[in-house]
Amino acid sequence: VGWVLSVSVIAVSSLVWLEGLKWSLARVSSYRLFPLLGLLAFGLMWVHYIVAAIKKLTKSKQPTHKYFEVTSFVVLVLILMHPGMLVAGLWRDGYGLPPKSYLENYIPPGLWWATLLGTISLIAFLVYELRRWYKDKSWWKFVQYTTDIAMVAIIVHGFKLGNHLDSGWFQIVWAFYAVTYLVSLSIIYIYISQREVSSG
């Protein structure tokens, strides 16, 4: 399921991106490429939650470790490259570094807070990468909560700043991501609560 959903997310993200380019790769630049990386990163993270929820619901024993290992690494690369390409492009063109380069030359007036949501979410996702060392700590659940909230922040970030959401059909896809993410998150936490009650 994970691999199928991942391929689907990649296909849908690539489709709306190419549509925005009017199907001409000659128009590609760092400014036009970095949104695709963000769409792919969020889409793959969305798949992680969906797969986890499906496993809880079906009580599946099918191994998914390799899938999560590979796609988590891909997500890490994408979430670093997404803002990285924009920062590099603005720097190359003489606009300096964020936040000034963002606010004066890229972000529409009044939407600085949506950019801030993206930055805070990036930090939360990067902190989550420490899980291999700290996931067994009692406080790690708070890092997980922060990551879950960061996903909601990225949904809002996309709605406010995502140029590709100008496409009517992709607005529906993004809303679908939002609703199914919240449903899957609820399933995961209900499962965790039940497990804690039964083990207690």
C-alpha atoms as a PDB file:
ATOM      1  CA  VAL A   1       0.000   0.000   0.000  1.00  0.00           C
ATOM      2  CA  GLY A   2       2.773   2.409   0.950  1.00  0.00           C
ATOM      3  CA  TRP A   3       4.627   2.110  -2.328  1.00  0.00           C
ATOM      4  CA  VAL A   4       1.429   2.384  -4.386  1.00  0.00           C
ATOM      5  CA  LEU A   5       0.303   5.507  -2.514  1.00  0.00           C
ATOM      6  CA  SER A   6       3.795   7.002  -2.786  1.00  0.00           C
ATOM      7  CA  VAL A   7       3.873   6.539  -6.552  1.00  0.00           C
ATOM      8  CA  SER A   8       0.374   8.051  -6.741  1.00  0.00           C
ATOM      9  CA  VAL A   9       1.429  11.091  -4.701  1.00  0.00           C
ATOM     10  CA  ILE A  10       4.514  11.595  -6.846  1.00  0.00           C
ATOM     11  CA  ALA A  11       2.407  11.340 -10.009  1.00  0.00           C
ATOM     12  CA  VAL A  12      -0.255  13.799  -8.803  1.00  0.00           C
ATOM     13  CA  SER A  13       2.350  16.299  -7.550  1.00  0.00           C
ATOM     14  CA  SER A  14       4.295  16.073 -10.797  1.00  0.00           C
ATOM     15  CA  LEU A  15       1.107  16.506 -12.823  1.00  0.00           C
ATOM     16  CA  VAL A  16       0.031  19.737 -11.123  1.00  0.00           C
ATOM     17  CA  TRP A  17       3.612  21.032 -11.260  1.00  0.00           C
ATOM     18  CA  LEU A  18       3.914  20.361 -14.995  1.00  0.00           C
ATOM     19  CA  GLU A  19       0.509  21.931 -15.515  1.00  0.00           C
ATOM     20  CA  GLY A  20       1.831  25.065 -13.803  1.00  0.00           C
ATOM     21  CA  LEU A  21       4.760  25.083 -16.230  1.00  0.00           C
ATOM     22  CA  LYS A  22       2.324  24.685 -19.112  1.00  0.00           C
ATOM     23  CA  TRP A  23       4.108  21.398 -19.828  1.00  0.00           C
ATOM     24  CA  SER A  24       7.337  23.142 -20.810  1.00  0.00           C
ATOM     25  CA  LEU A  25      10.479  22.070 -18.936  1.00  0.00           C
ATOM     26  CA  ALA A  26      12.284  24.926 -20.638  1.00  0.00           C
ATOM     27  CA  ARG A  27      10.622  27.141 -18.018  1.00  0.00           C
ATOM     28  CA  VAL A  28      12.258  25.318 -15.085  1.00  0.00           C
ATOM     29  CA  SER A  29      14.303  27.342 -12.599  1.00  0.00           C
ATOM     30  CA  SER A  30      15.089  26.996  -8.918  1.00  0.00           C
ATOM     31  CA  TYR A  31      12.057  29.198  -8.204  1.00  0.00           C
ATOM     32  CA  ARG A  32       9.826  26.862 -10.181  1.00  0.00           C
ATOM     33  CA  LEU A  33      11.400  23.615  -8.989  1.00  0.00           C
ATOM     34  CA  PHE A  34      11.357  24.169  -5.231  1.00  0.00           C
ATOM     35  CA  PRO A  35       7.517  24.018  -4.925  1.00  0.00           C
ATOM     36  CA  LEU A  36       7.528  20.507  -6.430  1.00  0.00           C
ATOM     37  CA  LEU A  37       9.948  19.363  -3.736  1.00  0.00           C
ATOM     38  CA  GLY A  38       7.598  20.665  -1.060  1.00  0.00           C
ATOM     39  CA  LEU A  39       4.606  18.919  -2.622  1.00  0.00           C
ATOM     40  CA  LEU A  40       6.528  15.646  -2.778  1.00  0.00           C
ATOM     41  CA  ALA A  41       7.777  15.938   0.803  1.00  0.00           C
ATOM     42  CA  PHE A  42       4.335  16.608   2.232  1.00  0.00           C
ATOM     43  CA  GLY A  43       2.732  13.926   0.063  1.00  0.00           C
ATOM     44  CA  LEU A  44       5.158  11.252   1.230  1.00  0.00           C
ATOM     45  CA  MET A  45       4.712  12.259   4.874  1.00  0.00           C
ATOM     46  CA  TRP A  46       0.964  12.063   4.344  1.00  0.00           C
ATOM     47  CA  VAL A  47       1.426   8.505   3.040  1.00  0.00           C
ATOM     48  CA  HIS A  48       3.344   7.618   6.217  1.00  0.00           C
ATOM     49  CA  TYR A  49       0.343   8.543   8.345  1.00  0.00           C
ATOM     50  CA  ILE A  50      -2.114   6.752   6.051  1.00  0.00           C
ATOM     51  CA  VAL A  51      -0.034   3.564   6.063  1.00  0.00           C
ATOM     52  CA  ALA A  52       0.308   3.686   9.859  1.00  0.00           C
ATOM     53  CA  ALA A  53      -3.459   4.141  10.273  1.00  0.00           C
ATOM     54  CA  ILE A  54      -4.228   1.281   7.874  1.00  0.00           C
ATOM     55  CA  LYS A  55      -1.863  -0.986   9.791  1.00  0.00           C
ATOM     56  CA  LYS A  56      -3.614  -0.129  13.061  1.00  0.00           C
ATOM     57  CA  LEU A  57      -7.091  -0.687  11.600  1.00  0.00           C
ATOM     58  CA  THR A  58      -6.273  -3.975   9.881  1.00  0.00           C
ATOM     59  CA  LYS A  59      -3.845  -5.194  12.556  1.00  0.00           C
ATOM     60  CA  SER A  60      -1.534  -6.015   9.667  1.00  0.00           C
ATOM     61  CA  LYS A  61       1.751  -7.741  10.409  1.00  0.00           C
ATOM     62  CA  GLN A  62       3.151  -6.956   6.978  1.00  0.00           C
ATOM     63  CA  PRO A  63       6.641  -5.476   7.394  1.00  0.00           C
ATOM     64  CA  THR A  64       6.926  -1.814   6.464  1.00  0.00           C
ATOM     65  CA  HIS A  65      10.294  -1.018   8.024  1.00  0.00           C
ATOM     66  CA  LYS A  66      12.133  -0.893   4.697  1.00  0.00           C
ATOM     67  CA  TYR A  67       9.452   1.313   3.146  1.00  0.00           C
ATOM     68  CA  PHE A  68       9.596   3.821   6.009  1.00  0.00           C
ATOM     69  CA  GLU A  69      13.393   3.753   6.054  1.00  0.00           C
ATOM     70  CA  VAL A  70      13.722   4.547   2.355  1.00  0.00           C
ATOM     71  CA  THR A  71      10.928   7.114   2.098  1.00  0.00           C
ATOM     72  CA  SER A  72      11.916   8.843   5.359  1.00  0.00           C
ATOM     73  CA  PHE A  73      15.359   9.471   3.887  1.00  0.00           C
ATOM     74  CA  VAL A  74      13.770  10.813   0.694  1.00  0.00           C
ATOM     75  CA  VAL A  75      11.529  13.110   2.755  1.00  0.00           C
ATOM     76  CA  LEU A  76      14.537  14.408   4.699  1.00  0.00           C
ATOM     77  CA  VAL A  77      16.316  15.322   1.462  1.00  0.00           C
ATOM     78  CA  LEU A  78      13.176  16.969   0.064  1.00  0.00           C
ATOM     79  CA  ILE A  79      12.385  19.077   3.146  1.00  0.00           C
ATOM     80  CA  LEU A  80      15.943  20.403   3.129  1.00  0.00           C
ATOM     81  CA  MET A  81      15.995  21.088  -0.613  1.00  0.00           C
ATOM     82  CA  HIS A  82      12.531  22.713  -0.700  1.00  0.00           C
ATOM     83  CA  PRO A  83      13.489  25.914   1.165  1.00  0.00           C
ATOM     84  CA  GLY A  84      17.144  25.449   0.267  1.00  0.00           C
ATOM     85  CA  MET A  85      16.537  25.987  -3.450  1.00  0.00           C
ATOM     86  CA  LEU A  86      14.514  29.133  -2.793  1.00  0.00           C
ATOM     87  CA  VAL A  87      17.142  30.552  -0.425  1.00  0.00           C
ATOM     88  CA  ALA A  88      19.913  29.738  -2.919  1.00  0.00           C
ATOM     89  CA  GLY A  89      17.980  31.304  -5.790  1.00  0.00           C
ATOM     90  CA  LEU A  90      17.303  34.534  -3.915  1.00  0.00           C
ATOM     91  CA  TRP A  91      20.930  34.700  -2.762  1.00  0.00           C
ATOM     92  CA  ARG A  92      22.196  34.080  -6.296  1.00  0.00           C
ATOM     93  CA  ASP A  93      20.021  36.882  -7.614  1.00  0.00           C
ATOM     94  CA  GLY A  94      21.361  39.341  -5.084  1.00  0.00           C
ATOM     95  CA  TYR A  95      18.427  39.486  -2.671  1.00  0.00           C
ATOM     96  CA  GLY A  96      20.353  38.288   0.376  1.00  0.00           C
ATOM     97  CA  LEU A  97      19.261  35.777   2.986  1.00  0.00           C
ATOM     98  CA  PRO A  98      15.961  35.139   4.792  1.00  0.00           C
ATOM     99  CA  PRO A  99      13.919  36.533   6.328  1.00  0.00           C
ATOM    100  CA  LYS A 100      14.635  39.778   4.438  1.00  0.00           C
ATOM    101  CA  SER A 101      14.915  38.099   1.030  1.00  0.00           C
ATOM    102  CA  TYR A 102      11.614  36.295   1.609  1.00  0.00           C
ATOM    103  CA  LEU A 103       9.678  39.287   2.852  1.00  0.00           C
ATOM    104  CA  GLU A 104      10.926  41.852   0.347  1.00  0.00           C
ATOM    105  CA  ASN A 105      11.167  39.776  -2.796  1.00  0.00           C
ATOM    106  CA  TYR A 106       9.043  36.644  -2.663  1.00  0.00           C
ATOM    107  CA  ILE A 107       6.288  36.438  -0.059  1.00  0.00           C
ATOM    108  CA  PRO A 108       3.042  38.352  -0.791  1.00  0.00           C
ATOM    109  CA  PRO A 109       2.343  41.169   1.696  1.00  0.00           C
ATOM    110  CA  GLY A 110       0.674  40.020   4.898  1.00  0.00           C
ATOM    111  CA  LEU A 111       1.563  36.345   4.494  1.00  0.00           C
ATOM    112  CA  TRP A 112       4.798  36.343   6.498  1.00  0.00           C
ATOM    113  CA  TRP A 113       3.035  34.205   9.114  1.00  0.00           C
ATOM    114  CA  ALA A 114       2.428  31.427   6.562  1.00  0.00           C
ATOM    115  CA  THR A 115       6.142  31.438   5.791  1.00  0.00           C
ATOM    116  CA  LEU A 116       6.871  31.264   9.521  1.00  0.00           C
ATOM    117  CA  LEU A 117       4.607  28.211   9.793  1.00  0.00           C
ATOM    118  CA  GLY A 118       6.744  26.519   7.158  1.00  0.00           C
ATOM    119  CA  THR A 119       9.983  27.393   8.949  1.00  0.00           C
ATOM    120  CA  ILE A 120       8.737  26.184  12.347  1.00  0.00           C
ATOM    121  CA  SER A 121       7.440  22.987  10.751  1.00  0.00           C
ATOM    122  CA  LEU A 122      10.806  22.375   9.096  1.00  0.00           C
ATOM    123  CA  ILE A 123      12.505  22.647  12.485  1.00  0.00           C
ATOM    124  CA  ALA A 124       9.971  20.208  13.984  1.00  0.00           C
ATOM    125  CA  PHE A 125      10.573  17.693  11.183  1.00  0.00           C
ATOM    126  CA  LEU A 126      14.334  17.944  11.583  1.00  0.00           C
ATOM    127  CA  VAL A 127      14.092  17.415  15.353  1.00  0.00           C
ATOM    128  CA  TYR A 128      12.002  14.303  14.639  1.00  0.00           C
ATOM    129  CA  GLU A 129      15.008  12.894  12.761  1.00  0.00           C
ATOM    130  CA  LEU A 130      16.618  12.361  16.198  1.00  0.00           C
ATOM    131  CA  ARG A 131      14.115   9.553  16.864  1.00  0.00           C
ATOM    132  CA  ARG A 132      16.640   6.786  16.294  1.00  0.00           C
ATOM    133  CA  TRP A 133      18.440   7.952  19.442  1.00  0.00           C
ATOM    134  CA  TYR A 134      15.653   9.287  21.618  1.00  0.00           C
ATOM    135  CA  LYS A 135      12.382   7.564  20.643  1.00  0.00           C
ATOM    136  CA  ASP A 136      12.395   5.449  23.828  1.00  0.00           C
ATOM    137  CA  LYS A 137      12.624   8.478  26.105  1.00  0.00           C
ATOM    138  CA  SER A 138       9.492   9.385  28.057  1.00  0.00           C
ATOM    139  CA  TRP A 139       9.483  12.914  26.647  1.00  0.00           C
ATOM    140  CA  TRP A 140       9.717  11.810  23.011  1.00  0.00           C
ATOM    141  CA  LYS A 141       5.914  11.751  22.692  1.00  0.00           C
ATOM    142  CA  PHE A 142       5.951  15.551  22.861  1.00  0.00           C
ATOM    143  CA  VAL A 143       8.246  15.657  19.831  1.00  0.00           C
ATOM    144  CA  GLN A 144       5.749  13.413  18.040  1.00  0.00           C
ATOM    145  CA  TYR A 145       2.888  15.744  19.007  1.00  0.00           C
ATOM    146  CA  THR A 146       4.857  18.685  17.625  1.00  0.00           C
ATOM    147  CA  THR A 147       5.432  16.865  14.348  1.00  0.00           C
ATOM    148  CA  ASP A 148       1.737  16.047  14.055  1.00  0.00           C
ATOM    149  CA  ILE A 149       0.852  19.708  14.578  1.00  0.00           C
ATOM    150  CA  ALA A 150       3.529  20.697  12.061  1.00  0.00           C
ATOM    151  CA  MET A 151       1.709  18.642   9.420  1.00  0.00           C
ATOM    152  CA  VAL A 152      -1.412  20.737  10.006  1.00  0.00           C
ATOM    153  CA  ALA A 153       0.736  23.877   9.765  1.00  0.00           C
ATOM    154  CA  ILE A 154       2.065  22.715   6.394  1.00  0.00           C
ATOM    155  CA  ILE A 155      -1.472  22.159   5.148  1.00  0.00           C
ATOM    156  CA  VAL A 156      -2.265  25.791   6.011  1.00  0.00           C
ATOM    157  CA  HIS A 157       1.111  26.898   4.594  1.00  0.00           C
ATOM    158  CA  GLY A 158       0.224  25.200   1.302  1.00  0.00           C
ATOM    159  CA  PHE A 159      -3.250  26.704   1.127  1.00  0.00           C
ATOM    160  CA  LYS A 160      -1.882  30.223   1.668  1.00  0.00           C
ATOM    161  CA  LEU A 161       1.361  30.151  -0.327  1.00  0.00           C
ATOM    162  CA  GLY A 162       1.076  27.246  -2.744  1.00  0.00           C
ATOM    163  CA  ASN A 163       0.833  28.564  -6.301  1.00  0.00           C
ATOM    164  CA  HIS A 164      -0.252  25.121  -7.454  1.00  0.00           C
ATOM    165  CA  LEU A 165      -3.357  25.404  -5.322  1.00  0.00           C
ATOM    166  CA  ASP A 166      -4.608  27.932  -7.872  1.00  0.00           C
ATOM    167  CA  SER A 167      -5.570  24.828  -9.847  1.00  0.00           C
ATOM    168  CA  GLY A 168      -9.127  23.909  -8.887  1.00  0.00           C
ATOM    169  CA  TRP A 169      -8.640  20.158  -9.045  1.00  0.00           C
ATOM    170  CA  PHE A 170      -5.528  20.296  -6.863  1.00  0.00           C
ATOM    171  CA  GLN A 171      -7.394  22.320  -4.243  1.00  0.00           C
ATOM    172  CA  ILE A 172      -9.651  19.280  -3.940  1.00  0.00           C
ATOM    173  CA  VAL A 173      -6.616  16.993  -3.654  1.00  0.00           C
ATOM    174  CA  TRP A 174      -5.085  19.209  -0.956  1.00  0.00           C
ATOM    175  CA  ALA A 175      -8.376  19.253   0.969  1.00  0.00           C
ATOM    176  CA  PHE A 176      -8.471  15.454   0.630  1.00  0.00           C
ATOM    177  CA  TYR A 177      -4.959  15.288   2.086  1.00  0.00           C
ATOM    178  CA  ALA A 178      -6.078  17.468   4.993  1.00  0.00           C
ATOM    179  CA  VAL A 179      -9.199  15.483   5.857  1.00  0.00           C
ATOM    180  CA  THR A 180      -7.615  12.047   5.494  1.00  0.00           C
ATOM    181  CA  TYR A 181      -4.576  13.163   7.465  1.00  0.00           C
ATOM    182  CA  LEU A 182      -6.767  14.214  10.389  1.00  0.00           C
ATOM    183  CA  VAL A 183      -8.742  10.962  10.169  1.00  0.00           C
ATOM    184  CA  SER A 184      -5.587   8.834  10.083  1.00  0.00           C
ATOM    185  CA  LEU A 185      -4.109  10.781  12.985  1.00  0.00           C
ATOM    186  CA  SER A 186      -7.267  10.169  15.014  1.00  0.00           C
ATOM    187  CA  ILE A 187      -7.096   6.428  14.268  1.00  0.00           C
ATOM    188  CA  ILE A 188      -3.453   6.280  15.324  1.00  0.00           C
ATOM    189  CA  TYR A 189      -4.077   8.063  18.633  1.00  0.00           C
ATOM    190  CA  ILE A 190      -7.208   6.030  19.391  1.00  0.00           C
ATOM    191  CA  TYR A 191      -5.131   2.888  18.857  1.00  0.00           C
ATOM    192  CA  ILE A 192      -2.365   4.194  21.120  1.00  0.00           C
ATOM    193  CA  SER A 193      -4.880   5.097  23.834  1.00  0.00           C
ATOM    194  CA  GLN A 194      -6.509   1.658  23.668  1.00  0.00           C
ATOM    195  CA  ARG A 195      -3.129  -0.039  23.815  1.00  0.00           C
ATOM    196  CA  GLU A 196      -2.121   2.011  26.872  1.00  0.00           C
ATOM    197  CA  VAL A 197      -5.419   1.171  28.622  1.00  0.00           C
ATOM    198  CA  SER A 198      -5.098  -2.546  27.882  1.00  0.00           C
ATOM    199  CA  SER A 199      -1.472  -2.652  28.987  1.00  0.00           C
ATOM    200  CA  GLY A 200      -2.283  -0.631  32.106  1.00  0.00           C
END
